[in-house]
Protein backbone atom coordinates (compact mmCIF):
# COMPACT_ATOMS: atom_id res chain seq x y z
CA LYS A 1 20.12 26.42 -5.98
CA LEU A 2 17.42 26.36 -3.53
CA VAL A 3 18.27 22.46 -0.84
CA ALA A 4 15.11 21.15 0.83
CA LYS A 5 13.71 18.72 1.81
CA ARG A 6 10.09 17.12 0.00
CA PRO A 7 7.42 17.31 1.77
CA ILE A 8 5.98 14.53 2.91
CA ASN A 9 3.01 13.50 0.84
CA PRO A 10 -0.77 13.86 2.11
CA ALA A 11 -1.34 10.56 1.62
CA TYR A 12 0.95 9.24 3.42
CA PRO A 13 -0.48 7.02 6.63
CA THR A 14 0.69 8.81 9.77
CA GLU A 15 -0.13 4.87 11.32
CA LEU A 16 0.28 1.65 10.13
CA LYS A 17 -2.90 -0.26 11.20
CA THR A 18 -3.99 -2.16 8.31
CA ILE A 19 -3.22 -4.00 5.60
CA GLY A 20 -4.28 -1.62 3.41
CA ASP A 21 -1.96 0.74 5.53
CA HIS A 22 1.07 -0.84 5.24
CA LEU A 23 0.13 -0.96 0.86
CA ARG A 24 0.06 2.43 0.89
CA LYS A 25 3.18 3.32 2.75
CA THR A 26 4.84 0.53 1.02
CA ARG A 27 3.83 2.05 -2.72
CA LEU A 28 4.77 5.20 -1.37
CA ASP A 29 8.00 4.61 0.13
CA ARG A 30 8.88 2.37 -3.59
CA GLU A 31 7.16 4.81 -6.28
CA LEU A 32 4.32 2.71 -7.73
CA THR A 33 1.23 3.97 -8.87
CA GLN A 34 -2.22 1.91 -8.01
CA ASN A 35 -1.97 0.07 -11.40
CA GLN A 36 1.38 -0.99 -10.99
CA VAL A 37 0.79 -2.89 -7.49
CA SER A 38 -2.72 -4.04 -8.84
CA THR A 39 -0.72 -5.86 -11.71
CA ILE A 40 2.33 -6.91 -9.19
CA ILE A 41 -0.48 -9.30 -6.56
CA GLY A 42 -3.28 -9.50 -9.60
CA VAL A 43 -6.45 -7.56 -8.88
CA THR A 44 -7.82 -4.86 -10.57
CA THR A 45 -6.77 -0.86 -9.78
CA ASP A 46 -10.08 -0.61 -8.23
CA THR A 47 -9.63 -2.95 -5.61
CA VAL A 48 -5.67 -1.83 -4.31
CA THR A 49 -8.04 1.76 -3.58
CA ASN A 50 -9.98 0.18 -1.51
CA TRP A 51 -7.43 -1.96 -0.01
CA GLU A 52 -5.54 1.81 0.98
CA LEU A 53 -8.74 3.24 1.48
CA ASN A 54 -10.06 0.83 4.17
CA ARG A 55 -13.27 0.31 2.65
CA ASN A 56 -12.99 -3.89 2.74
CA SER A 57 -9.80 -5.79 3.71
CA PRO A 58 -8.63 -8.15 1.25
CA ARG A 59 -9.82 -11.92 1.28
CA LYS A 60 -7.19 -14.57 2.96
CA ARG A 61 -6.61 -15.53 -1.28
CA PHE A 62 -4.60 -12.74 -1.67
CA HIS A 63 -2.74 -12.40 1.45
CA SER A 64 0.40 -14.44 0.32
CA ARG A 65 0.32 -12.20 -2.47
CA ILE A 66 0.66 -8.82 -0.66
CA TYR A 67 2.72 -10.43 1.38
CA ASN A 68 5.36 -11.36 -1.05
CA PHE A 69 4.50 -7.47 -2.41
CA LEU A 70 5.28 -5.62 1.16
CA GLY A 71 8.21 -8.56 1.73
CA LYS A 72 6.86 -9.14 5.15
CA VAL A 73 3.62 -10.06 6.97
CA PRO A 74 2.79 -6.57 8.62
CA PRO A 75 1.82 -7.23 12.74
CA ILE A 76 -2.00 -5.94 12.61
CA ASN A 77 -3.22 -3.68 15.23
């Protein structure tokens, strides 16, 4: 039986600078899909993808839902 550490997912953010970075880290830590996160937050899967890739930022009206998902208000640099 071989035992080894699981390699780090290449999609895992190395620095947490944006809300999208925090979303991706939390999603990967919880082993959720973008579709599952989009259902939890109440947006489309494409919206979660764009946030995680930092193509755009979430509007203020989604911040409370995102913070509830994250379990905290993330420090943004």
